[in-house]
Amino acid sequence: MVAFSSTSMDLDPADLAQDVHRLLEDLARRRPDRRQVVAGECMPVVDVFETDRTVEIVLDLPGVAADAVRILIKSGVVLIVGEKERPILSKNTPASFHLVERDFGRFARAVRVAGAVDAGQARARLSQGELRVVLPRRDERRGQGVRVAIDTGAPAATE
């Protein structure tokens, strides 16, 4: 993050331009690609990685209950939808926000999964604010190879 000095009164335009550029780069690195967002008011960050046996999707969902999230896998796309509710402030204690950076509201993230995965064996766990979806690869994607017979049109030999 770029540090600004509140006591510095000599503002060099070149330095200011560099600071703004660094801030924008930092923001771009931290925010997900909007093309992966299906709908919603909130956009949880997501990591997708693969091992030789699985494809894994990890979302940061602090404060979200498991029953507020739905996961659907169809046609090679994992759709994760849910809602992160804003904490209710006490009506007896008036409050004025000075800064609001956390996202709240509905969210939907779509992740296209390359390769063959066994959606029927997928599992998910929400723990300590992290949702982890594990999709096992099908055997043909584990590097074991699948032998394909070649039909020559000739009758098969009998043993």
N, C-alpha and C. Protein backbone atom coordinates (compact mmCIF):
# COMPACT_ATOMS: atom_id res chain seq x y z
N MET A 1 0.84 -1.17 0.00
CA MET A 1 0.00 0.00 0.00
C MET A 1 0.89 1.23 0.00
N VAL A 2 0.43 2.28 -0.61
CA VAL A 2 1.17 3.53 -0.70
C VAL A 2 0.93 4.34 0.55
N ALA A 3 2.01 4.86 1.13
CA ALA A 3 1.88 5.68 2.34
C ALA A 3 1.92 7.15 1.94
N PHE A 4 1.01 7.92 2.49
CA PHE A 4 0.96 9.35 2.24
C PHE A 4 1.31 10.08 3.52
N SER A 5 2.03 11.16 3.39
CA SER A 5 2.38 11.97 4.55
C SER A 5 1.44 13.17 4.61
N SER A 6 0.78 13.33 5.75
CA SER A 6 -0.14 14.46 5.90
C SER A 6 0.60 15.76 6.19
N THR A 7 1.88 15.66 6.51
CA THR A 7 2.63 16.88 6.83
C THR A 7 3.35 17.45 5.62
N SER A 8 3.42 16.70 4.55
CA SER A 8 4.13 17.15 3.36
C SER A 8 3.27 18.11 2.56
N MET A 9 3.76 19.33 2.37
CA MET A 9 2.99 20.33 1.62
C MET A 9 3.53 20.51 0.21
N ASP A 10 4.71 19.97 -0.07
CA ASP A 10 5.26 20.12 -1.41
C ASP A 10 4.84 18.92 -2.25
N LEU A 11 3.80 19.10 -3.04
CA LEU A 11 3.25 18.03 -3.86
C LEU A 11 3.83 18.11 -5.26
N ASP A 12 4.69 17.18 -5.56
CA ASP A 12 5.27 17.10 -6.90
C ASP A 12 4.28 16.35 -7.78
N PRO A 13 3.83 16.92 -8.90
CA PRO A 13 2.85 16.24 -9.76
C PRO A 13 3.33 14.87 -10.23
N ALA A 14 4.61 14.71 -10.49
CA ALA A 14 5.12 13.41 -10.93
C ALA A 14 4.99 12.38 -9.82
N ASP A 15 5.33 12.78 -8.58
CA ASP A 15 5.19 11.86 -7.45
C ASP A 15 3.73 11.51 -7.21
N LEU A 16 2.86 12.50 -7.32
CA LEU A 16 1.44 12.26 -7.13
C LEU A 16 0.91 11.29 -8.19
N ALA A 17 1.34 11.46 -9.43
CA ALA A 17 0.91 10.56 -10.50
C ALA A 17 1.39 9.14 -10.22
N GLN A 18 2.62 8.99 -9.74
CA GLN A 18 3.14 7.66 -9.40
C GLN A 18 2.33 7.04 -8.26
N ASP A 19 2.00 7.84 -7.25
CA ASP A 19 1.21 7.34 -6.13
C ASP A 19 -0.16 6.86 -6.59
N VAL A 20 -0.80 7.64 -7.44
CA VAL A 20 -2.12 7.25 -7.95
C VAL A 20 -2.00 5.97 -8.78
N HIS A 21 -0.97 5.89 -9.61
CA HIS A 21 -0.75 4.69 -10.42
C HIS A 21 -0.56 3.46 -9.53
N ARG A 22 0.24 3.59 -8.48
CA ARG A 22 0.46 2.46 -7.56
C ARG A 22 -0.83 2.07 -6.85
N LEU A 23 -1.63 3.05 -6.45
CA LEU A 23 -2.91 2.75 -5.81
C LEU A 23 -3.84 1.99 -6.75
N LEU A 24 -3.90 2.41 -8.00
CA LEU A 24 -4.75 1.72 -8.97
C LEU A 24 -4.26 0.30 -9.24
N GLU A 25 -2.95 0.11 -9.33
CA GLU A 25 -2.41 -1.23 -9.51
C GLU A 25 -2.74 -2.11 -8.32
N ASP A 26 -2.61 -1.56 -7.12
CA ASP A 26 -2.93 -2.31 -5.91
C ASP A 26 -4.40 -2.71 -5.90
N LEU A 27 -5.26 -1.80 -6.27
CA LEU A 27 -6.69 -2.09 -6.33
C LEU A 27 -6.98 -3.17 -7.36
N ALA A 28 -6.35 -3.10 -8.52
CA ALA A 28 -6.58 -4.09 -9.57
C ALA A 28 -6.12 -5.48 -9.13
N ARG A 29 -5.05 -5.56 -8.38
CA ARG A 29 -4.57 -6.86 -7.90
C ARG A 29 -5.51 -7.46 -6.87
N ARG A 30 -6.14 -6.63 -6.08
CA ARG A 30 -6.98 -7.12 -4.99
C ARG A 30 -8.40 -7.46 -5.41
N ARG A 31 -8.90 -6.90 -6.49
CA ARG A 31 -10.29 -7.11 -6.89
C ARG A 31 -10.37 -8.18 -7.96
N PRO A 32 -11.32 -9.08 -7.85
CA PRO A 32 -11.49 -10.13 -8.85
C PRO A 32 -11.90 -9.56 -10.20
N ASP A 33 -11.70 -10.36 -11.21
CA ASP A 33 -12.11 -10.01 -12.56
C ASP A 33 -13.63 -9.94 -12.62
N ARG A 34 -14.18 -8.82 -12.98
CA ARG A 34 -15.64 -8.63 -13.00
C ARG A 34 -16.33 -9.58 -13.96
N ARG A 35 -15.62 -10.14 -14.95
CA ARG A 35 -16.25 -11.07 -15.88
C ARG A 35 -16.64 -12.37 -15.19
N GLN A 36 -16.02 -12.70 -14.07
CA GLN A 36 -16.34 -13.92 -13.34
C GLN A 36 -17.49 -13.72 -12.36
N VAL A 37 -17.94 -12.51 -12.21
CA VAL A 37 -19.03 -12.22 -11.29
C VAL A 37 -20.33 -12.35 -12.05
N VAL A 38 -21.22 -13.20 -11.56
CA VAL A 38 -22.48 -13.43 -12.25
C VAL A 38 -23.47 -12.33 -11.88
N ALA A 39 -23.66 -12.10 -10.62
CA ALA A 39 -24.60 -11.08 -10.16
C ALA A 39 -24.32 -10.84 -8.69
N GLY A 40 -24.83 -9.76 -8.20
CA GLY A 40 -24.74 -9.54 -6.77
C GLY A 40 -24.16 -8.20 -6.41
N GLU A 41 -24.14 -7.98 -5.13
CA GLU A 41 -23.68 -6.72 -4.57
C GLU A 41 -22.30 -6.87 -3.97
N CYS A 42 -21.89 -8.08 -3.73
CA CYS A 42 -20.67 -8.39 -3.02
C CYS A 42 -19.83 -9.30 -3.92
N MET A 43 -18.52 -9.21 -3.84
CA MET A 43 -17.67 -10.01 -4.71
C MET A 43 -16.54 -10.64 -3.91
N PRO A 44 -16.77 -11.83 -3.34
CA PRO A 44 -15.70 -12.48 -2.59
C PRO A 44 -14.55 -12.87 -3.52
N VAL A 45 -13.34 -12.76 -3.00
CA VAL A 45 -12.17 -13.14 -3.79
C VAL A 45 -12.08 -14.65 -3.86
N VAL A 46 -11.52 -15.14 -4.97
CA VAL A 46 -11.46 -16.58 -5.20
C VAL A 46 -10.08 -16.96 -5.73
N ASP A 47 -9.61 -18.13 -5.31
CA ASP A 47 -8.41 -18.74 -5.87
C ASP A 47 -8.84 -20.06 -6.48
N VAL A 48 -8.28 -20.41 -7.63
CA VAL A 48 -8.54 -21.71 -8.27
C VAL A 48 -7.18 -22.32 -8.57
N PHE A 49 -6.99 -23.57 -8.14
CA PHE A 49 -5.73 -24.24 -8.44
C PHE A 49 -6.01 -25.72 -8.63
N GLU A 50 -5.03 -26.41 -9.19
CA GLU A 50 -5.20 -27.83 -9.42
C GLU A 50 -3.99 -28.60 -8.95
N THR A 51 -4.25 -29.85 -8.59
CA THR A 51 -3.20 -30.80 -8.28
C THR A 51 -3.33 -31.92 -9.31
N ASP A 52 -2.54 -32.96 -9.17
CA ASP A 52 -2.68 -34.06 -10.12
C ASP A 52 -3.99 -34.83 -9.91
N ARG A 53 -4.64 -34.67 -8.76
CA ARG A 53 -5.87 -35.41 -8.47
C ARG A 53 -7.12 -34.54 -8.33
N THR A 54 -6.97 -33.24 -8.14
CA THR A 54 -8.13 -32.39 -7.87
C THR A 54 -8.02 -31.03 -8.54
N VAL A 55 -9.17 -30.39 -8.67
CA VAL A 55 -9.26 -28.96 -8.94
C VAL A 55 -9.89 -28.37 -7.69
N GLU A 56 -9.31 -27.30 -7.15
CA GLU A 56 -9.82 -26.74 -5.90
C GLU A 56 -10.13 -25.25 -6.08
N ILE A 57 -11.25 -24.86 -5.50
CA ILE A 57 -11.71 -23.47 -5.54
C ILE A 57 -11.82 -23.00 -4.09
N VAL A 58 -11.20 -21.88 -3.78
CA VAL A 58 -11.20 -21.35 -2.42
C VAL A 58 -11.73 -19.92 -2.45
N LEU A 59 -12.76 -19.66 -1.65
CA LEU A 59 -13.34 -18.32 -1.54
C LEU A 59 -13.20 -17.83 -0.12
N ASP A 60 -12.94 -16.54 0.04
CA ASP A 60 -12.97 -15.91 1.36
C ASP A 60 -14.40 -15.50 1.65
N LEU A 61 -15.00 -16.10 2.68
CA LEU A 61 -16.38 -15.79 3.06
C LEU A 61 -16.49 -15.56 4.56
N PRO A 62 -15.74 -14.60 5.11
CA PRO A 62 -15.84 -14.38 6.55
C PRO A 62 -17.24 -13.91 6.93
N GLY A 63 -17.75 -14.47 8.00
CA GLY A 63 -19.06 -14.07 8.50
C GLY A 63 -20.24 -14.66 7.76
N VAL A 64 -19.99 -15.59 6.83
CA VAL A 64 -21.07 -16.20 6.06
C VAL A 64 -21.32 -17.61 6.61
N ALA A 65 -22.59 -17.90 6.89
CA ALA A 65 -22.96 -19.22 7.39
C ALA A 65 -23.07 -20.20 6.22
N ALA A 66 -22.80 -21.48 6.49
CA ALA A 66 -22.85 -22.50 5.45
C ALA A 66 -24.23 -22.58 4.80
N ASP A 67 -25.29 -22.37 5.59
CA ASP A 67 -26.63 -22.47 5.01
C ASP A 67 -27.00 -21.25 4.16
N ALA A 68 -26.11 -20.27 4.07
CA ALA A 68 -26.34 -19.09 3.22
C ALA A 68 -25.63 -19.21 1.88
N VAL A 69 -25.03 -20.39 1.61
CA VAL A 69 -24.26 -20.61 0.38
C VAL A 69 -24.82 -21.82 -0.36
N ARG A 70 -24.90 -21.72 -1.68
CA ARG A 70 -25.31 -22.84 -2.54
C ARG A 70 -24.24 -23.01 -3.61
N ILE A 71 -23.95 -24.29 -3.93
CA ILE A 71 -22.95 -24.61 -4.96
C ILE A 71 -23.62 -25.51 -5.99
N LEU A 72 -23.50 -25.14 -7.26
CA LEU A 72 -24.06 -25.92 -8.36
C LEU A 72 -22.97 -26.15 -9.39
N ILE A 73 -22.84 -27.40 -9.86
CA ILE A 73 -21.85 -27.73 -10.88
C ILE A 73 -22.61 -28.24 -12.10
N LYS A 74 -22.40 -27.57 -13.23
CA LYS A 74 -23.09 -27.98 -14.45
C LYS A 74 -22.27 -27.55 -15.67
N SER A 75 -22.09 -28.47 -16.59
CA SER A 75 -21.41 -28.19 -17.86
C SER A 75 -20.03 -27.56 -17.67
N GLY A 76 -19.27 -28.06 -16.71
CA GLY A 76 -17.92 -27.56 -16.49
C GLY A 76 -17.83 -26.23 -15.79
N VAL A 77 -18.94 -25.75 -15.23
CA VAL A 77 -18.94 -24.48 -14.52
C VAL A 77 -19.40 -24.71 -13.08
N VAL A 78 -18.64 -24.19 -12.14
CA VAL A 78 -19.02 -24.24 -10.73
C VAL A 78 -19.61 -22.88 -10.39
N LEU A 79 -20.87 -22.88 -9.97
CA LEU A 79 -21.57 -21.65 -9.60
C LEU A 79 -21.72 -21.64 -8.09
N ILE A 80 -21.21 -20.59 -7.47
CA ILE A 80 -21.29 -20.44 -6.01
C ILE A 80 -22.08 -19.17 -5.74
N VAL A 81 -23.23 -19.32 -5.08
CA VAL A 81 -24.09 -18.17 -4.79
C VAL A 81 -24.37 -18.13 -3.29
N GLY A 82 -24.62 -16.95 -2.80
CA GLY A 82 -24.93 -16.82 -1.38
C GLY A 82 -25.18 -15.38 -1.01
N GLU A 83 -25.18 -15.16 0.30
CA GLU A 83 -25.41 -13.81 0.80
C GLU A 83 -24.62 -13.60 2.08
N LYS A 84 -23.95 -12.46 2.13
CA LYS A 84 -23.25 -12.05 3.34
C LYS A 84 -24.06 -10.92 3.94
N GLU A 85 -24.67 -11.20 5.08
CA GLU A 85 -25.56 -10.22 5.70
C GLU A 85 -24.78 -9.18 6.49
N ARG A 86 -25.26 -7.96 6.40
CA ARG A 86 -24.66 -6.86 7.16
C ARG A 86 -25.05 -7.05 8.63
N PRO A 87 -24.09 -6.91 9.54
CA PRO A 87 -24.43 -7.03 10.96
C PRO A 87 -25.47 -5.97 11.34
N ILE A 88 -26.41 -6.37 12.14
CA ILE A 88 -27.45 -5.45 12.57
C ILE A 88 -26.94 -4.66 13.76
N LEU A 89 -26.99 -3.35 13.63
CA LEU A 89 -26.59 -2.49 14.74
C LEU A 89 -27.75 -2.38 15.71
N SER A 90 -27.42 -2.23 16.94
CA SER A 90 -28.44 -2.07 17.97
C SER A 90 -29.21 -0.77 17.74
N LYS A 91 -30.53 -0.85 17.82
CA LYS A 91 -31.36 0.35 17.65
C LYS A 91 -31.19 1.30 18.83
N ASN A 92 -30.72 0.78 19.94
CA ASN A 92 -30.53 1.62 21.13
C ASN A 92 -29.22 2.41 21.08
N THR A 93 -28.33 2.02 20.18
CA THR A 93 -27.03 2.68 20.09
C THR A 93 -26.88 3.31 18.71
N PRO A 94 -27.14 4.59 18.58
CA PRO A 94 -26.98 5.22 17.28
C PRO A 94 -25.51 5.19 16.86
N ALA A 95 -25.28 5.00 15.57
CA ALA A 95 -23.91 4.93 15.08
C ALA A 95 -23.80 5.63 13.73
N SER A 96 -22.68 6.25 13.52
CA SER A 96 -22.36 6.86 12.23
C SER A 96 -21.10 6.18 11.72
N PHE A 97 -21.15 5.65 10.52
CA PHE A 97 -19.98 5.00 9.95
C PHE A 97 -18.98 6.05 9.48
N HIS A 98 -17.72 5.81 9.78
CA HIS A 98 -16.65 6.68 9.32
C HIS A 98 -15.95 6.07 8.11
N LEU A 99 -16.01 4.74 8.02
CA LEU A 99 -15.36 4.03 6.92
C LEU A 99 -16.07 2.70 6.74
N VAL A 100 -16.42 2.35 5.52
CA VAL A 100 -17.04 1.06 5.22
C VAL A 100 -16.28 0.45 4.06
N GLU A 101 -15.53 -0.61 4.33
CA GLU A 101 -14.75 -1.28 3.29
C GLU A 101 -15.21 -2.71 3.05
N ARG A 102 -15.90 -3.29 4.00
CA ARG A 102 -16.33 -4.68 3.85
C ARG A 102 -17.54 -4.75 2.92
N ASP A 103 -17.58 -5.82 2.12
CA ASP A 103 -18.70 -6.05 1.21
C ASP A 103 -19.79 -6.83 1.92
N PHE A 104 -21.03 -6.47 1.65
CA PHE A 104 -22.18 -7.20 2.15
C PHE A 104 -23.18 -7.33 1.02
N GLY A 105 -24.04 -8.32 1.14
CA GLY A 105 -25.10 -8.50 0.15
C GLY A 105 -24.98 -9.83 -0.56
N ARG A 106 -25.76 -9.96 -1.62
CA ARG A 106 -25.76 -11.20 -2.39
C ARG A 106 -24.51 -11.27 -3.26
N PHE A 107 -24.09 -12.51 -3.53
CA PHE A 107 -22.96 -12.70 -4.43
C PHE A 107 -23.20 -13.95 -5.26
N ALA A 108 -22.56 -13.99 -6.41
CA ALA A 108 -22.57 -15.17 -7.28
C ALA A 108 -21.27 -15.17 -8.06
N ARG A 109 -20.51 -16.25 -7.93
CA ARG A 109 -19.25 -16.40 -8.67
C ARG A 109 -19.35 -17.64 -9.52
N ALA A 110 -18.92 -17.55 -10.76
CA ALA A 110 -18.90 -18.68 -11.68
C ALA A 110 -17.45 -18.97 -12.04
N VAL A 111 -17.06 -20.24 -11.90
CA VAL A 111 -15.69 -20.65 -12.20
C VAL A 111 -15.75 -21.78 -13.21
N ARG A 112 -15.16 -21.56 -14.38
CA ARG A 112 -15.09 -22.62 -15.40
C ARG A 112 -13.94 -23.53 -15.04
N VAL A 113 -14.22 -24.83 -15.03
CA VAL A 113 -13.21 -25.83 -14.66
C VAL A 113 -12.74 -26.53 -15.93
N ALA A 114 -11.45 -26.42 -16.20
CA ALA A 114 -10.89 -27.08 -17.37
C ALA A 114 -10.65 -28.55 -17.06
N GLY A 115 -10.96 -29.40 -18.01
CA GLY A 115 -10.72 -30.82 -17.83
C GLY A 115 -11.89 -31.54 -17.20
N ALA A 116 -11.76 -32.84 -17.14
CA ALA A 116 -12.83 -33.69 -16.64
C ALA A 116 -12.73 -33.84 -15.13
N VAL A 117 -13.79 -33.44 -14.44
CA VAL A 117 -13.87 -33.63 -12.99
C VAL A 117 -15.10 -34.46 -12.68
N ASP A 118 -15.07 -35.11 -11.54
CA ASP A 118 -16.19 -35.95 -11.10
C ASP A 118 -17.07 -35.11 -10.18
N ALA A 119 -18.05 -34.44 -10.78
CA ALA A 119 -18.92 -33.54 -10.01
C ALA A 119 -19.68 -34.29 -8.93
N GLY A 120 -19.99 -35.55 -9.15
CA GLY A 120 -20.72 -36.34 -8.16
C GLY A 120 -19.92 -36.60 -6.90
N GLN A 121 -18.61 -36.48 -6.97
CA GLN A 121 -17.74 -36.71 -5.81
C GLN A 121 -17.21 -35.39 -5.21
N ALA A 122 -17.72 -34.27 -5.70
CA ALA A 122 -17.27 -32.97 -5.19
C ALA A 122 -17.63 -32.83 -3.71
N ARG A 123 -16.79 -32.11 -2.99
CA ARG A 123 -17.08 -31.84 -1.58
C ARG A 123 -16.70 -30.40 -1.28
N ALA A 124 -17.35 -29.84 -0.28
CA ALA A 124 -17.08 -28.46 0.10
C ALA A 124 -17.04 -28.36 1.62
N ARG A 125 -16.21 -27.43 2.10
CA ARG A 125 -16.11 -27.20 3.54
C ARG A 125 -15.98 -25.69 3.77
N LEU A 126 -16.77 -25.20 4.71
CA LEU A 126 -16.69 -23.79 5.11
C LEU A 126 -16.17 -23.77 6.54
N SER A 127 -14.96 -23.24 6.70
CA SER A 127 -14.32 -23.23 8.01
C SER A 127 -13.51 -21.96 8.17
N GLN A 128 -13.69 -21.28 9.28
CA GLN A 128 -12.94 -20.07 9.62
C GLN A 128 -12.98 -19.04 8.49
N GLY A 129 -14.15 -18.89 7.87
CA GLY A 129 -14.33 -17.88 6.84
C GLY A 129 -13.80 -18.24 5.48
N GLU A 130 -13.42 -19.50 5.28
CA GLU A 130 -12.89 -19.93 3.99
C GLU A 130 -13.72 -21.09 3.46
N LEU A 131 -14.27 -20.92 2.25
CA LEU A 131 -15.00 -22.00 1.59
C LEU A 131 -14.05 -22.68 0.62
N ARG A 132 -13.89 -23.99 0.77
CA ARG A 132 -13.01 -24.77 -0.10
C ARG A 132 -13.85 -25.83 -0.81
N VAL A 133 -13.89 -25.76 -2.14
CA VAL A 133 -14.61 -26.74 -2.96
C VAL A 133 -13.56 -27.60 -3.64
N VAL A 134 -13.65 -28.92 -3.42
CA VAL A 134 -12.67 -29.86 -3.98
C VAL A 134 -13.38 -30.73 -5.00
N LEU A 135 -12.89 -30.70 -6.23
CA LEU A 135 -13.46 -31.49 -7.32
C LEU A 135 -12.43 -32.53 -7.76
N PRO A 136 -12.68 -33.81 -7.48
CA PRO A 136 -11.73 -34.84 -7.92
C PRO A 136 -11.68 -34.93 -9.44
N ARG A 137 -10.51 -35.12 -9.98
CA ARG A 137 -10.36 -35.33 -11.42
C ARG A 137 -10.82 -36.74 -11.77
N ARG A 138 -11.33 -36.88 -12.96
CA ARG A 138 -11.66 -38.22 -13.45
C ARG A 138 -10.35 -38.91 -13.80
N ASP A 139 -10.38 -40.24 -13.86
CA ASP A 139 -9.16 -41.01 -14.09
C ASP A 139 -8.39 -40.58 -15.33
N GLU A 140 -9.10 -40.25 -16.40
CA GLU A 140 -8.39 -39.90 -17.63
C GLU A 140 -7.59 -38.61 -17.50
N ARG A 141 -7.85 -37.81 -16.46
CA ARG A 141 -7.10 -36.58 -16.25
C ARG A 141 -5.98 -36.75 -15.23
N ARG A 142 -5.81 -37.94 -14.71
CA ARG A 142 -4.78 -38.16 -13.69
C ARG A 142 -3.47 -38.63 -14.30
N GLY A 143 -3.36 -38.58 -15.62
CA GLY A 143 -2.12 -38.99 -16.25
C GLY A 143 -2.00 -40.50 -16.42
N GLN A 144 -3.08 -41.24 -16.18
CA GLN A 144 -3.02 -42.69 -16.28
C GLN A 144 -3.30 -43.16 -17.70
N GLY A 145 -3.80 -42.29 -18.54
CA GLY A 145 -4.06 -42.66 -19.92
C GLY A 145 -5.21 -43.64 -20.05
N VAL A 146 -5.92 -43.54 -21.12
CA VAL A 146 -7.03 -44.44 -21.40
C VAL A 146 -6.75 -45.07 -22.75
N ARG A 147 -6.71 -46.39 -22.80
CA ARG A 147 -6.44 -47.08 -24.05
C ARG A 147 -7.71 -47.10 -24.89
N VAL A 148 -7.57 -46.71 -26.13
CA VAL A 148 -8.69 -46.68 -27.06
C VAL A 148 -8.44 -47.74 -28.12
N ALA A 149 -9.39 -48.66 -28.25
CA ALA A 149 -9.27 -49.72 -29.26
C ALA A 149 -9.50 -49.13 -30.64
N ILE A 150 -8.77 -49.67 -31.63
CA ILE A 150 -8.91 -49.22 -33.01
C ILE A 150 -9.68 -50.27 -33.78
N ASP A 151 -10.76 -49.86 -34.39
CA ASP A 151 -11.59 -50.76 -35.18
C ASP A 151 -11.03 -50.81 -36.60
N THR A 152 -10.59 -51.99 -37.03
CA THR A 152 -10.04 -52.15 -38.38
C THR A 152 -11.09 -52.64 -39.36
N GLY A 153 -12.24 -53.00 -38.86
CA GLY A 153 -13.28 -53.53 -39.73
C GLY A 153 -13.17 -55.03 -39.92
N ALA A 154 -12.05 -55.64 -39.52
CA ALA A 154 -11.86 -57.08 -39.66
C ALA A 154 -12.54 -57.79 -38.50
N PRO A 155 -13.01 -59.03 -38.71
CA PRO A 155 -13.63 -59.77 -37.61
C PRO A 155 -12.59 -60.04 -36.51
N ALA A 156 -13.06 -60.00 -35.29
CA ALA A 156 -12.18 -60.24 -34.14
C ALA A 156 -11.75 -61.69 -34.12
N ALA A 157 -10.49 -61.92 -33.77
CA ALA A 157 -9.97 -63.28 -33.66
C ALA A 157 -10.53 -63.94 -32.42
N THR A 158 -10.88 -65.21 -32.52
CA THR A 158 -11.37 -65.95 -31.35
C THR A 158 -10.22 -66.71 -30.73
N GLU A 159 -10.25 -66.83 -29.44
CA GLU A 159 -9.16 -67.52 -28.73
C GLU A 159 -9.53 -68.93 -28.46
